[in-house]
Amino acid sequence: MLWDIFKSSSRNTKRAPAPVSRPVEPEEYFHGVPLSELSDLAKTINKGIRCSLDNSGFLIFHYWTNRGNITVSAQNSVDENGKLYKLFSYHYPGQNWCPLDDFIDKANETFTFTPGRPRNE
């Protein structure tokens, strides 16, 4: 009898967990383009992983090498015409293009970048 009382009372005390409110972080932009959209575009590129911003405000494109065993991070910026370009060349003339080249071509076709200085300046 006593067991039935405890058993019935334990069923009534179960409650749904309270919703957890998480602070909403503001969307980061790279020359007028949301970083989330650039990361989504990066995932559509073969071997592309994501995009991020470094401390100087340059766009970093993260991708796998052609062998798929090393992650490469390449720095990019926007020129005075609003076109994305890579700061350093990672291949020699005549060598096959890397995923970074494909990303830059697609990004320039898809987005209109605002020319100017990177953030924090």
PDB file of N, CA and C in Angstrom:
ATOM      1  N   MET A   1       0.817  -1.181   0.000  1.00  0.00           N
ATOM      2  CA  MET A   1       0.000   0.000   0.000  1.00  0.00           C
ATOM      3  C   MET A   1       0.872   1.260   0.000  1.00  0.00           C
ATOM      4  N   LEU A   2       1.854   1.288   0.868  1.00  0.00           N
ATOM      5  CA  LEU A   2       2.753   2.429   0.904  1.00  0.00           C
ATOM      6  C   LEU A   2       3.517   2.553  -0.417  1.00  0.00           C
ATOM      7  N   TRP A   3       3.868   1.405  -0.977  1.00  0.00           N
ATOM      8  CA  TRP A   3       4.570   1.396  -2.257  1.00  0.00           C
ATOM      9  C   TRP A   3       3.718   2.017  -3.356  1.00  0.00           C
ATOM     10  N   ASP A   4       2.444   1.754  -3.367  1.00  0.00           N
ATOM     11  CA  ASP A   4       1.539   2.318  -4.368  1.00  0.00           C
ATOM     12  C   ASP A   4       1.464   3.835  -4.263  1.00  0.00           C
ATOM     13  N   ILE A   5       1.544   4.377  -3.074  1.00  0.00           N
ATOM     14  CA  ILE A   5       1.498   5.833  -2.895  1.00  0.00           C
ATOM     15  C   ILE A   5       2.747   6.472  -3.495  1.00  0.00           C
ATOM     16  N   PHE A   6       3.927   5.899  -3.180  1.00  0.00           N
ATOM     17  CA  PHE A   6       5.171   6.452  -3.734  1.00  0.00           C
ATOM     18  C   PHE A   6       5.227   6.295  -5.249  1.00  0.00           C
ATOM     19  N   LYS A   7       4.747   5.174  -5.719  1.00  0.00           N
ATOM     20  CA  LYS A   7       4.771   4.898  -7.147  1.00  0.00           C
ATOM     21  C   LYS A   7       3.877   5.878  -7.897  1.00  0.00           C
ATOM     22  N   SER A   8       2.710   6.160  -7.397  1.00  0.00           N
ATOM     23  CA  SER A   8       1.794   7.081  -8.071  1.00  0.00           C
ATOM     24  C   SER A   8       2.287   8.520  -7.968  1.00  0.00           C
ATOM     25  N   SER A   9       2.924   8.881  -6.853  1.00  0.00           N
ATOM     26  CA  SER A   9       3.395  10.257  -6.715  1.00  0.00           C
ATOM     27  C   SER A   9       4.614  10.510  -7.596  1.00  0.00           C
ATOM     28  N   SER A  10       5.423   9.484  -7.843  1.00  0.00           N
ATOM     29  CA  SER A  10       6.601   9.687  -8.687  1.00  0.00           C
ATOM     30  C   SER A  10       6.198   9.904 -10.146  1.00  0.00           C
ATOM     31  N   ARG A  11       5.101   9.359 -10.564  1.00  0.00           N
ATOM     32  CA  ARG A  11       4.632   9.566 -11.937  1.00  0.00           C
ATOM     33  C   ARG A  11       4.180  11.006 -12.157  1.00  0.00           C
ATOM     34  N   ASN A  12       3.632  11.615 -11.135  1.00  0.00           N
ATOM     35  CA  ASN A  12       3.090  12.959 -11.280  1.00  0.00           C
ATOM     36  C   ASN A  12       4.162  14.045 -11.209  1.00  0.00           C
ATOM     37  N   THR A  13       5.333  13.719 -10.705  1.00  0.00           N
ATOM     38  CA  THR A  13       6.358  14.747 -10.536  1.00  0.00           C
ATOM     39  C   THR A  13       7.238  14.933 -11.770  1.00  0.00           C
ATOM     40  N   LYS A  14       7.104  14.106 -12.765  1.00  0.00           N
ATOM     41  CA  LYS A  14       7.927  14.257 -13.969  1.00  0.00           C
ATOM     42  C   LYS A  14       7.429  15.450 -14.771  1.00  0.00           C
ATOM     43  N   ARG A  15       8.342  16.336 -15.080  1.00  0.00           N
ATOM     44  CA  ARG A  15       7.980  17.535 -15.830  1.00  0.00           C
ATOM     45  C   ARG A  15       8.874  17.650 -17.048  1.00  0.00           C
ATOM     46  N   ALA A  16       8.391  18.367 -17.995  1.00  0.00           N
ATOM     47  CA  ALA A  16       9.200  18.613 -19.192  1.00  0.00           C
ATOM     48  C   ALA A  16      10.319  19.581 -18.837  1.00  0.00           C
ATOM     49  N   PRO A  17      11.499  19.382 -19.402  1.00  0.00           N
ATOM     50  CA  PRO A  17      12.600  20.301 -19.084  1.00  0.00           C
ATOM     51  C   PRO A  17      12.305  21.701 -19.609  1.00  0.00           C
ATOM     52  N   ALA A  18      12.755  22.673 -18.851  1.00  0.00           N
ATOM     53  CA  ALA A  18      12.537  24.069 -19.247  1.00  0.00           C
ATOM     54  C   ALA A  18      13.378  24.380 -20.484  1.00  0.00           C
ATOM     55  N   PRO A  19      12.836  25.144 -21.406  1.00  0.00           N
ATOM     56  CA  PRO A  19      13.614  25.477 -22.607  1.00  0.00           C
ATOM     57  C   PRO A  19      14.836  26.320 -22.243  1.00  0.00           C
ATOM     58  N   VAL A  20      15.936  26.019 -22.901  1.00  0.00           N
ATOM     59  CA  VAL A  20      17.181  26.735 -22.644  1.00  0.00           C
ATOM     60  C   VAL A  20      17.300  27.860 -23.658  1.00  0.00           C
ATOM     61  N   SER A  21      17.454  29.064 -23.160  1.00  0.00           N
ATOM     62  CA  SER A  21      17.609  30.188 -24.082  1.00  0.00           C
ATOM     63  C   SER A  21      19.093  30.420 -24.313  1.00  0.00           C
ATOM     64  N   ARG A  22      19.479  30.416 -25.577  1.00  0.00           N
ATOM     65  CA  ARG A  22      20.865  30.647 -25.946  1.00  0.00           C
ATOM     66  C   ARG A  22      20.992  32.040 -26.527  1.00  0.00           C
ATOM     67  N   PRO A  23      22.058  32.716 -26.188  1.00  0.00           N
ATOM     68  CA  PRO A  23      22.229  34.055 -26.759  1.00  0.00           C
ATOM     69  C   PRO A  23      22.445  33.963 -28.270  1.00  0.00           C
ATOM     70  N   VAL A  24      21.799  34.837 -28.976  1.00  0.00           N
ATOM     71  CA  VAL A  24      21.910  34.851 -30.431  1.00  0.00           C
ATOM     72  C   VAL A  24      23.109  35.710 -30.811  1.00  0.00           C
ATOM     73  N   GLU A  25      24.056  35.089 -31.520  1.00  0.00           N
ATOM     74  CA  GLU A  25      25.227  35.835 -31.954  1.00  0.00           C
ATOM     75  C   GLU A  25      24.899  36.553 -33.258  1.00  0.00           C
ATOM     76  N   PRO A  26      25.378  37.762 -33.419  1.00  0.00           N
ATOM     77  CA  PRO A  26      25.098  38.481 -34.660  1.00  0.00           C
ATOM     78  C   PRO A  26      25.805  37.819 -35.842  1.00  0.00           C
ATOM     79  N   GLU A  27      25.174  37.888 -36.982  1.00  0.00           N
ATOM     80  CA  GLU A  27      25.732  37.316 -38.210  1.00  0.00           C
ATOM     81  C   GLU A  27      26.985  38.087 -38.608  1.00  0.00           C
ATOM     82  N   GLU A  28      28.046  37.366 -38.957  1.00  0.00           N
ATOM     83  CA  GLU A  28      29.263  38.015 -39.432  1.00  0.00           C
ATOM     84  C   GLU A  28      29.168  38.199 -40.944  1.00  0.00           C
ATOM     85  N   TYR A  29      29.711  39.296 -41.425  1.00  0.00           N
ATOM     86  CA  TYR A  29      29.687  39.612 -42.852  1.00  0.00           C
ATOM     87  C   TYR A  29      31.103  39.790 -43.364  1.00  0.00           C
ATOM     88  N   PHE A  30      31.316  39.409 -44.624  1.00  0.00           N
ATOM     89  CA  PHE A  30      32.574  39.654 -45.308  1.00  0.00           C
ATOM     90  C   PHE A  30      32.273  40.496 -46.533  1.00  0.00           C
ATOM     91  N   HIS A  31      32.602  41.771 -46.472  1.00  0.00           N
ATOM     92  CA  HIS A  31      32.370  42.731 -47.566  1.00  0.00           C
ATOM     93  C   HIS A  31      30.919  42.683 -48.048  1.00  0.00           C
ATOM     94  N   GLY A  32      29.991  42.681 -47.104  1.00  0.00           N
ATOM     95  CA  GLY A  32      28.570  42.745 -47.415  1.00  0.00           C
ATOM     96  C   GLY A  32      27.895  41.411 -47.659  1.00  0.00           C
ATOM     97  N   VAL A  33      28.618  40.304 -47.584  1.00  0.00           N
ATOM     98  CA  VAL A  33      28.047  38.975 -47.818  1.00  0.00           C
ATOM     99  C   VAL A  33      28.076  38.208 -46.494  1.00  0.00           C
ATOM    100  N   PRO A  34      26.941  37.608 -46.084  1.00  0.00           N
ATOM    101  CA  PRO A  34      26.923  36.857 -44.824  1.00  0.00           C
ATOM    102  C   PRO A  34      27.898  35.679 -44.857  1.00  0.00           C
ATOM    103  N   LEU A  35      28.610  35.496 -43.788  1.00  0.00           N
ATOM    104  CA  LEU A  35      29.588  34.416 -43.702  1.00  0.00           C
ATOM    105  C   LEU A  35      28.917  33.048 -43.793  1.00  0.00           C
ATOM    106  N   SER A  36      27.691  32.934 -43.308  1.00  0.00           N
ATOM    107  CA  SER A  36      26.979  31.653 -43.380  1.00  0.00           C
ATOM    108  C   SER A  36      26.706  31.258 -44.829  1.00  0.00           C
ATOM    109  N   GLU A  37      26.398  32.232 -45.684  1.00  0.00           N
ATOM    110  CA  GLU A  37      26.166  31.927 -47.097  1.00  0.00           C
ATOM    111  C   GLU A  37      27.461  31.529 -47.789  1.00  0.00           C
ATOM    112  N   LEU A  38      28.570  32.149 -47.410  1.00  0.00           N
ATOM    113  CA  LEU A  38      29.862  31.759 -47.977  1.00  0.00           C
ATOM    114  C   LEU A  38      30.243  30.348 -47.530  1.00  0.00           C
ATOM    115  N   SER A  39      29.939  29.996 -46.287  1.00  0.00           N
ATOM    116  CA  SER A  39      30.218  28.640 -45.807  1.00  0.00           C
ATOM    117  C   SER A  39      29.338  27.618 -46.512  1.00  0.00           C
ATOM    118  N   ASP A  40      28.084  27.975 -46.767  1.00  0.00           N
ATOM    119  CA  ASP A  40      27.205  27.070 -47.514  1.00  0.00           C
ATOM    120  C   ASP A  40      27.740  26.845 -48.922  1.00  0.00           C
ATOM    121  N   LEU A  41      28.234  27.901 -49.555  1.00  0.00           N
ATOM    122  CA  LEU A  41      28.827  27.766 -50.886  1.00  0.00           C
ATOM    123  C   LEU A  41      30.087  26.913 -50.817  1.00  0.00           C
ATOM    124  N   ALA A  42      30.884  27.072 -49.772  1.00  0.00           N
ATOM    125  CA  ALA A  42      32.113  26.284 -49.620  1.00  0.00           C
ATOM    126  C   ALA A  42      31.808  24.794 -49.539  1.00  0.00           C
ATOM    127  N   LYS A  43      30.706  24.434 -48.900  1.00  0.00           N
ATOM    128  CA  LYS A  43      30.343  23.025 -48.769  1.00  0.00           C
ATOM    129  C   LYS A  43      29.908  22.415 -50.094  1.00  0.00           C
ATOM    130  N   THR A  44      29.485  23.242 -51.055  1.00  0.00           N
ATOM    131  CA  THR A  44      29.087  22.717 -52.362  1.00  0.00           C
ATOM    132  C   THR A  44      30.288  22.463 -53.266  1.00  0.00           C
ATOM    133  N   ILE A  45      31.433  23.029 -52.926  1.00  0.00           N
ATOM    134  CA  ILE A  45      32.654  22.831 -53.704  1.00  0.00           C
ATOM    135  C   ILE A  45      33.253  21.481 -53.337  1.00  0.00           C
ATOM    136  N   ASN A  46      33.793  20.777 -54.331  1.00  0.00           N
ATOM    137  CA  ASN A  46      34.442  19.502 -54.080  1.00  0.00           C
ATOM    138  C   ASN A  46      35.606  19.707 -53.110  1.00  0.00           C
ATOM    139  N   LYS A  47      35.595  18.992 -52.002  1.00  0.00           N
ATOM    140  CA  LYS A  47      36.601  19.046 -50.938  1.00  0.00           C
ATOM    141  C   LYS A  47      36.534  20.318 -50.089  1.00  0.00           C
ATOM    142  N   GLY A  48      35.543  21.165 -50.291  1.00  0.00           N
ATOM    143  CA  GLY A  48      35.386  22.365 -49.475  1.00  0.00           C
ATOM    144  C   GLY A  48      34.798  22.027 -48.116  1.00  0.00           C
ATOM    145  N   ILE A  49      35.229  22.752 -47.083  1.00  0.00           N
ATOM    146  CA  ILE A  49      34.747  22.487 -45.727  1.00  0.00           C
ATOM    147  C   ILE A  49      33.899  23.647 -45.218  1.00  0.00           C
ATOM    148  N   ARG A  50      34.510  24.840 -45.113  1.00  0.00           N
ATOM    149  CA  ARG A  50      33.785  25.988 -44.572  1.00  0.00           C
ATOM    150  C   ARG A  50      34.588  27.250 -44.826  1.00  0.00           C
ATOM    151  N   CYS A  51      34.016  28.384 -44.417  1.00  0.00           N
ATOM    152  CA  CYS A  51      34.698  29.676 -44.473  1.00  0.00           C
ATOM    153  C   CYS A  51      34.677  30.304 -43.088  1.00  0.00           C
ATOM    154  N   SER A  52      35.690  31.086 -42.810  1.00  0.00           N
ATOM    155  CA  SER A  52      35.757  31.824 -41.553  1.00  0.00           C
ATOM    156  C   SER A  52      36.488  33.135 -41.808  1.00  0.00           C
ATOM    157  N   LEU A  53      36.537  33.973 -40.789  1.00  0.00           N
ATOM    158  CA  LEU A  53      37.264  35.237 -40.877  1.00  0.00           C
ATOM    159  C   LEU A  53      38.436  35.195 -39.907  1.00  0.00           C
ATOM    160  N   ASP A  54      39.578  35.725 -40.333  1.00  0.00           N
ATOM    161  CA  ASP A  54      40.708  35.795 -39.413  1.00  0.00           C
ATOM    162  C   ASP A  54      40.668  37.112 -38.647  1.00  0.00           C
ATOM    163  N   ASN A  55      41.649  37.343 -37.804  1.00  0.00           N
ATOM    164  CA  ASN A  55      41.659  38.539 -36.955  1.00  0.00           C
ATOM    165  C   ASN A  55      41.789  39.829 -37.747  1.00  0.00           C
ATOM    166  N   SER A  56      42.337  39.757 -38.944  1.00  0.00           N
ATOM    167  CA  SER A  56      42.503  40.950 -39.780  1.00  0.00           C
ATOM    168  C   SER A  56      41.305  41.210 -40.675  1.00  0.00           C
ATOM    169  N   GLY A  57      40.325  40.316 -40.672  1.00  0.00           N
ATOM    170  CA  GLY A  57      39.129  40.506 -41.477  1.00  0.00           C
ATOM    171  C   GLY A  57      39.201  39.865 -42.845  1.00  0.00           C
ATOM    172  N   PHE A  58      40.217  39.046 -43.112  1.00  0.00           N
ATOM    173  CA  PHE A  58      40.306  38.357 -44.391  1.00  0.00           C
ATOM    174  C   PHE A  58      39.488  37.078 -44.345  1.00  0.00           C
ATOM    175  N   LEU A  59      38.969  36.668 -45.504  1.00  0.00           N
ATOM    176  CA  LEU A  59      38.177  35.444 -45.604  1.00  0.00           C
ATOM    177  C   LEU A  59      39.122  34.252 -45.682  1.00  0.00           C
ATOM    178  N   ILE A  60      38.874  33.244 -44.864  1.00  0.00           N
ATOM    179  CA  ILE A  60      39.667  32.020 -44.875  1.00  0.00           C
ATOM    180  C   ILE A  60      38.781  30.903 -45.414  1.00  0.00           C
ATOM    181  N   PHE A  61      39.233  30.263 -46.505  1.00  0.00           N
ATOM    182  CA  PHE A  61      38.532  29.127 -47.099  1.00  0.00           C
ATOM    183  C   PHE A  61      39.264  27.865 -46.662  1.00  0.00           C
ATOM    184  N   HIS A  62      38.552  26.972 -45.970  1.00  0.00           N
ATOM    185  CA  HIS A  62      39.125  25.721 -45.476  1.00  0.00           C
ATOM    186  C   HIS A  62      38.696  24.600 -46.415  1.00  0.00           C
ATOM    187  N   TYR A  63      39.665  23.795 -46.860  1.00  0.00           N
ATOM    188  CA  TYR A  63      39.352  22.688 -47.763  1.00  0.00           C
ATOM    189  C   TYR A  63      40.372  21.573 -47.590  1.00  0.00           C
ATOM    190  N   TRP A  64      40.012  20.386 -48.111  1.00  0.00           N
ATOM    191  CA  TRP A  64      40.902  19.232 -48.078  1.00  0.00           C
ATOM    192  C   TRP A  64      41.806  19.267 -49.300  1.00  0.00           C
ATOM    193  N   THR A  65      43.020  18.718 -49.166  1.00  0.00           N
ATOM    194  CA  THR A  65      43.904  18.590 -50.320  1.00  0.00           C
ATOM    195  C   THR A  65      43.340  17.537 -51.263  1.00  0.00           C
ATOM    196  N   ASN A  66      43.934  17.421 -52.449  1.00  0.00           N
ATOM    197  CA  ASN A  66      43.449  16.443 -53.420  1.00  0.00           C
ATOM    198  C   ASN A  66      43.569  15.013 -52.903  1.00  0.00           C
ATOM    199  N   ARG A  67      44.559  14.736 -52.069  1.00  0.00           N
ATOM    200  CA  ARG A  67      44.672  13.402 -51.473  1.00  0.00           C
ATOM    201  C   ARG A  67      43.653  13.209 -50.365  1.00  0.00           C
ATOM    202  N   GLY A  68      43.150  14.303 -49.808  1.00  0.00           N
ATOM    203  CA  GLY A  68      42.127  14.223 -48.774  1.00  0.00           C
ATOM    204  C   GLY A  68      42.657  13.968 -47.384  1.00  0.00           C
ATOM    205  N   ASN A  69      43.965  14.145 -47.174  1.00  0.00           N
ATOM    206  CA  ASN A  69      44.512  13.843 -45.853  1.00  0.00           C
ATOM    207  C   ASN A  69      44.980  15.081 -45.091  1.00  0.00           C
ATOM    208  N   ILE A  70      44.973  16.245 -45.712  1.00  0.00           N
ATOM    209  CA  ILE A  70      45.429  17.465 -45.062  1.00  0.00           C
ATOM    210  C   ILE A  70      44.387  18.560 -45.276  1.00  0.00           C
ATOM    211  N   THR A  71      44.108  19.323 -44.220  1.00  0.00           N
ATOM    212  CA  THR A  71      43.222  20.473 -44.332  1.00  0.00           C
ATOM    213  C   THR A  71      44.059  21.707 -44.638  1.00  0.00           C
ATOM    214  N   VAL A  72      43.655  22.455 -45.665  1.00  0.00           N
ATOM    215  CA  VAL A  72      44.368  23.658 -46.080  1.00  0.00           C
ATOM    216  C   VAL A  72      43.476  24.858 -45.796  1.00  0.00           C
ATOM    217  N   SER A  73      44.070  25.945 -45.356  1.00  0.00           N
ATOM    218  CA  SER A  73      43.346  27.190 -45.120  1.00  0.00           C
ATOM    219  C   SER A  73      43.988  28.266 -45.979  1.00  0.00           C
ATOM    220  N   ALA A  74      43.201  28.904 -46.831  1.00  0.00           N
ATOM    221  CA  ALA A  74      43.729  29.907 -47.751  1.00  0.00           C
ATOM    222  C   ALA A  74      43.083  31.258 -47.479  1.00  0.00           C
ATOM    223  N   GLN A  75      43.900  32.304 -47.470  1.00  0.00           N
ATOM    224  CA  GLN A  75      43.432  33.663 -47.206  1.00  0.00           C
ATOM    225  C   GLN A  75      42.977  34.314 -48.507  1.00  0.00           C
ATOM    226  N   ASN A  76      41.841  35.023 -48.437  1.00  0.00           N
ATOM    227  CA  ASN A  76      41.271  35.702 -49.597  1.00  0.00           C
ATOM    228  C   ASN A  76      40.882  37.120 -49.221  1.00  0.00           C
ATOM    229  N   SER A  77      40.798  37.967 -50.233  1.00  0.00           N
ATOM    230  CA  SER A  77      40.367  39.340 -50.020  1.00  0.00           C
ATOM    231  C   SER A  77      39.551  39.786 -51.226  1.00  0.00           C
ATOM    232  N   VAL A  78      39.107  41.035 -51.201  1.00  0.00           N
ATOM    233  CA  VAL A  78      38.304  41.600 -52.285  1.00  0.00           C
ATOM    234  C   VAL A  78      39.077  42.764 -52.888  1.00  0.00           C
ATOM    235  N   ASP A  79      39.132  42.814 -54.231  1.00  0.00           N
ATOM    236  CA  ASP A  79      39.854  43.906 -54.886  1.00  0.00           C
ATOM    237  C   ASP A  79      38.958  45.132 -55.033  1.00  0.00           C
ATOM    238  N   GLU A  80      39.474  46.181 -55.678  1.00  0.00           N
ATOM    239  CA  GLU A  80      38.724  47.437 -55.804  1.00  0.00           C
ATOM    240  C   GLU A  80      37.518  47.322 -56.727  1.00  0.00           C
ATOM    241  N   ASN A  81      37.434  46.224 -57.511  1.00  0.00           N
ATOM    242  CA  ASN A  81      36.280  46.000 -58.383  1.00  0.00           C
ATOM    243  C   ASN A  81      35.213  45.139 -57.724  1.00  0.00           C
ATOM    244  N   GLY A  82      35.430  44.738 -56.486  1.00  0.00           N
ATOM    245  CA  GLY A  82      34.455  43.906 -55.787  1.00  0.00           C
ATOM    246  C   GLY A  82      34.564  42.434 -56.131  1.00  0.00           C
ATOM    247  N   LYS A  83      35.724  41.974 -56.576  1.00  0.00           N
ATOM    248  CA  LYS A  83      35.933  40.568 -56.927  1.00  0.00           C
ATOM    249  C   LYS A  83      36.823  39.905 -55.882  1.00  0.00           C
ATOM    250  N   LEU A  84      36.426  38.706 -55.496  1.00  0.00           N
ATOM    251  CA  LEU A  84      37.201  37.931 -54.537  1.00  0.00           C
ATOM    252  C   LEU A  84      38.457  37.402 -55.220  1.00  0.00           C
ATOM    253  N   TYR A  85      39.589  37.455 -54.537  1.00  0.00           N
ATOM    254  CA  TYR A  85      40.830  36.885 -55.075  1.00  0.00           C
ATOM    255  C   TYR A  85      41.633  36.275 -53.936  1.00  0.00           C
ATOM    256  N   LYS A  86      42.530  35.357 -54.290  1.00  0.00           N
ATOM    257  CA  LYS A  86      43.368  34.716 -53.275  1.00  0.00           C
ATOM    258  C   LYS A  86      44.620  35.547 -53.069  1.00  0.00           C
ATOM    259  N   LEU A  87      45.048  35.634 -51.826  1.00  0.00           N
ATOM    260  CA  LEU A  87      46.226  36.433 -51.511  1.00  0.00           C
ATOM    261  C   LEU A  87      47.517  35.735 -51.920  1.00  0.00           C
ATOM    262  N   PHE A  88      47.541  34.405 -51.884  1.00  0.00           N
ATOM    263  CA  PHE A  88      48.733  33.653 -52.246  1.00  0.00           C
ATOM    264  C   PHE A  88      48.352  32.566 -53.226  1.00  0.00           C
ATOM    265  N   SER A  89      49.225  32.293 -54.182  1.00  0.00           N
ATOM    266  CA  SER A  89      48.972  31.236 -55.152  1.00  0.00           C
ATOM    267  C   SER A  89      49.518  29.926 -54.602  1.00  0.00           C
ATOM    268  N   TYR A  90      48.699  28.885 -54.628  1.00  0.00           N
ATOM    269  CA  TYR A  90      49.102  27.596 -54.089  1.00  0.00           C
ATOM    270  C   TYR A  90      49.422  26.575 -55.171  1.00  0.00           C
ATOM    271  N   HIS A  91      49.478  27.000 -56.413  1.00  0.00           N
ATOM    272  CA  HIS A  91      49.861  26.062 -57.459  1.00  0.00           C
ATOM    273  C   HIS A  91      50.640  26.798 -58.543  1.00  0.00           C
ATOM    274  N   TYR A  92      51.362  26.028 -59.330  1.00  0.00           N
ATOM    275  CA  TYR A  92      52.208  26.582 -60.378  1.00  0.00           C
ATOM    276  C   TYR A  92      51.418  26.714 -61.671  1.00  0.00           C
ATOM    277  N   PRO A  93      51.843  27.582 -62.597  1.00  0.00           N
ATOM    278  CA  PRO A  93      51.158  27.670 -63.894  1.00  0.00           C
ATOM    279  C   PRO A  93      51.169  26.310 -64.591  1.00  0.00           C
ATOM    280  N   GLY A  94      50.044  25.928 -65.125  1.00  0.00           N
ATOM    281  CA  GLY A  94      49.904  24.641 -65.792  1.00  0.00           C
ATOM    282  C   GLY A  94      49.463  23.520 -64.873  1.00  0.00           C
ATOM    283  N   GLN A  95      49.506  23.742 -63.590  1.00  0.00           N
ATOM    284  CA  GLN A  95      49.073  22.727 -62.634  1.00  0.00           C
ATOM    285  C   GLN A  95      47.552  22.755 -62.533  1.00  0.00           C
ATOM    286  N   ASN A  96      46.957  21.629 -62.164  1.00  0.00           N
ATOM    287  CA  ASN A  96      45.502  21.566 -62.009  1.00  0.00           C
ATOM    288  C   ASN A  96      45.031  22.557 -60.957  1.00  0.00           C
ATOM    289  N   TRP A  97      43.817  23.029 -61.150  1.00  0.00           N
ATOM    290  CA  TRP A  97      43.241  23.963 -60.186  1.00  0.00           C
ATOM    291  C   TRP A  97      42.931  23.239 -58.890  1.00  0.00           C
ATOM    292  N   CYS A  98      42.947  23.989 -57.820  1.00  0.00           N
ATOM    293  CA  CYS A  98      42.601  23.436 -56.517  1.00  0.00           C
ATOM    294  C   CYS A  98      41.170  23.879 -56.169  1.00  0.00           C
ATOM    295  N   PRO A  99      40.578  23.338 -55.124  1.00  0.00           N
ATOM    296  CA  PRO A  99      39.224  23.743 -54.733  1.00  0.00           C
ATOM    297  C   PRO A  99      39.097  25.236 -54.450  1.00  0.00           C
ATOM    298  N   LEU A 100      40.172  25.882 -54.039  1.00  0.00           N
ATOM    299  CA  LEU A 100      40.139  27.321 -53.792  1.00  0.00           C
ATOM    300  C   LEU A 100      39.784  28.089 -55.062  1.00  0.00           C
ATOM    301  N   ASP A 101      40.356  27.686 -56.198  1.00  0.00           N
ATOM    302  CA  ASP A 101      40.056  28.361 -57.461  1.00  0.00           C
ATOM    303  C   ASP A 101      38.583  28.207 -57.838  1.00  0.00           C
ATOM    304  N   ASP A 102      38.040  27.004 -57.629  1.00  0.00           N
ATOM    305  CA  ASP A 102      36.620  26.785 -57.913  1.00  0.00           C
ATOM    306  C   ASP A 102      35.740  27.627 -56.990  1.00  0.00           C
ATOM    307  N   PHE A 103      36.121  27.710 -55.722  1.00  0.00           N
ATOM    308  CA  PHE A 103      35.349  28.508 -54.769  1.00  0.00           C
ATOM    309  C   PHE A 103      35.344  29.979 -55.169  1.00  0.00           C
ATOM    310  N   ILE A 104      36.496  30.510 -55.545  1.00  0.00           N
ATOM    311  CA  ILE A 104      36.584  31.921 -55.928  1.00  0.00           C
ATOM    312  C   ILE A 104      35.728  32.199 -57.156  1.00  0.00           C
ATOM    313  N   ASP A 105      35.780  31.310 -58.151  1.00  0.00           N
ATOM    314  CA  ASP A 105      34.958  31.504 -59.352  1.00  0.00           C
ATOM    315  C   ASP A 105      33.470  31.500 -59.016  1.00  0.00           C
ATOM    316  N   LYS A 106      33.029  30.516 -58.222  1.00  0.00           N
ATOM    317  CA  LYS A 106      31.604  30.442 -57.870  1.00  0.00           C
ATOM    318  C   LYS A 106      31.171  31.611 -56.998  1.00  0.00           C
ATOM    319  N   ALA A 107      32.038  32.020 -56.075  1.00  0.00           N
ATOM    320  CA  ALA A 107      31.695  33.140 -55.190  1.00  0.00           C
ATOM    321  C   ALA A 107      31.550  34.428 -55.992  1.00  0.00           C
ATOM    322  N   ASN A 108      32.421  34.650 -56.963  1.00  0.00           N
ATOM    323  CA  ASN A 108      32.325  35.856 -57.790  1.00  0.00           C
ATOM    324  C   ASN A 108      31.102  35.827 -58.695  1.00  0.00           C
ATOM    325  N   GLU A 109      30.667  34.630 -59.118  1.00  0.00           N
ATOM    326  CA  GLU A 109      29.446  34.511 -59.920  1.00  0.00           C
ATOM    327  C   GLU A 109      28.201  34.716 -59.063  1.00  0.00           C
ATOM    328  N   THR A 110      28.229  34.226 -57.832  1.00  0.00           N
ATOM    329  CA  THR A 110      27.045  34.208 -56.978  1.00  0.00           C
ATOM    330  C   THR A 110      26.830  35.506 -56.213  1.00  0.00           C
ATOM    331  N   PHE A 111      27.886  36.079 -55.666  1.00  0.00           N
ATOM    332  CA  PHE A 111      27.764  37.220 -54.764  1.00  0.00           C
ATOM    333  C   PHE A 111      28.356  38.486 -55.364  1.00  0.00           C
ATOM    334  N   THR A 112      27.868  39.613 -54.865  1.00  0.00           N
ATOM    335  CA  THR A 112      28.444  40.914 -55.188  1.00  0.00           C
ATOM    336  C   THR A 112      29.097  41.434 -53.915  1.00  0.00           C
ATOM    337  N   PHE A 113      30.401  41.487 -53.915  1.00  0.00           N
ATOM    338  CA  PHE A 113      31.153  41.939 -52.748  1.00  0.00           C
ATOM    339  C   PHE A 113      31.302  43.449 -52.775  1.00  0.00           C
ATOM    340  N   THR A 114      31.282  44.047 -51.599  1.00  0.00           N
ATOM    341  CA  THR A 114      31.478  45.483 -51.463  1.00  0.00           C
ATOM    342  C   THR A 114      32.973  45.752 -51.373  1.00  0.00           C
ATOM    343  N   PRO A 115      33.529  46.510 -52.327  1.00  0.00           N
ATOM    344  CA  PRO A 115      34.962  46.786 -52.233  1.00  0.00           C
ATOM    345  C   PRO A 115      35.270  47.676 -51.040  1.00  0.00           C
ATOM    346  N   GLY A 116      36.473  47.593 -50.569  1.00  0.00           N
ATOM    347  CA  GLY A 116      36.885  48.405 -49.429  1.00  0.00           C
ATOM    348  C   GLY A 116      37.802  47.638 -48.515  1.00  0.00           C
ATOM    349  N   ARG A 117      38.069  48.228 -47.383  1.00  0.00           N
ATOM    350  CA  ARG A 117      38.972  47.616 -46.414  1.00  0.00           C
ATOM    351  C   ARG A 117      38.246  46.525 -45.634  1.00  0.00           C
ATOM    352  N   PRO A 118      38.996  45.527 -45.161  1.00  0.00           N
ATOM    353  CA  PRO A 118      38.363  44.515 -44.323  1.00  0.00           C
ATOM    354  C   PRO A 118      37.891  45.108 -43.006  1.00  0.00           C
ATOM    355  N   ARG A 119      37.098  44.355 -42.261  1.00  0.00           N
ATOM    356  CA  ARG A 119      36.571  44.835 -40.978  1.00  0.00           C
ATOM    357  C   ARG A 119      37.701  45.148 -40.023  1.00  0.00           C
ATOM    358  N   ASN A 120      37.363  45.760 -38.930  1.00  0.00           N
ATOM    359  CA  ASN A 120      38.295  46.154 -37.872  1.00  0.00           C
ATOM    360  C   ASN A 120      39.256  47.247 -38.311  1.00  0.00           C
ATOM    361  N   GLU A 121      38.954  47.979 -39.362  1.00  0.00           N
ATOM    362  CA  GLU A 121      39.849  49.060 -39.789  1.00  0.00           C
ATOM    363  C   GLU A 121      39.061  50.306 -40.059  1.00  0.00           C
TER     364      GLU A 121
END
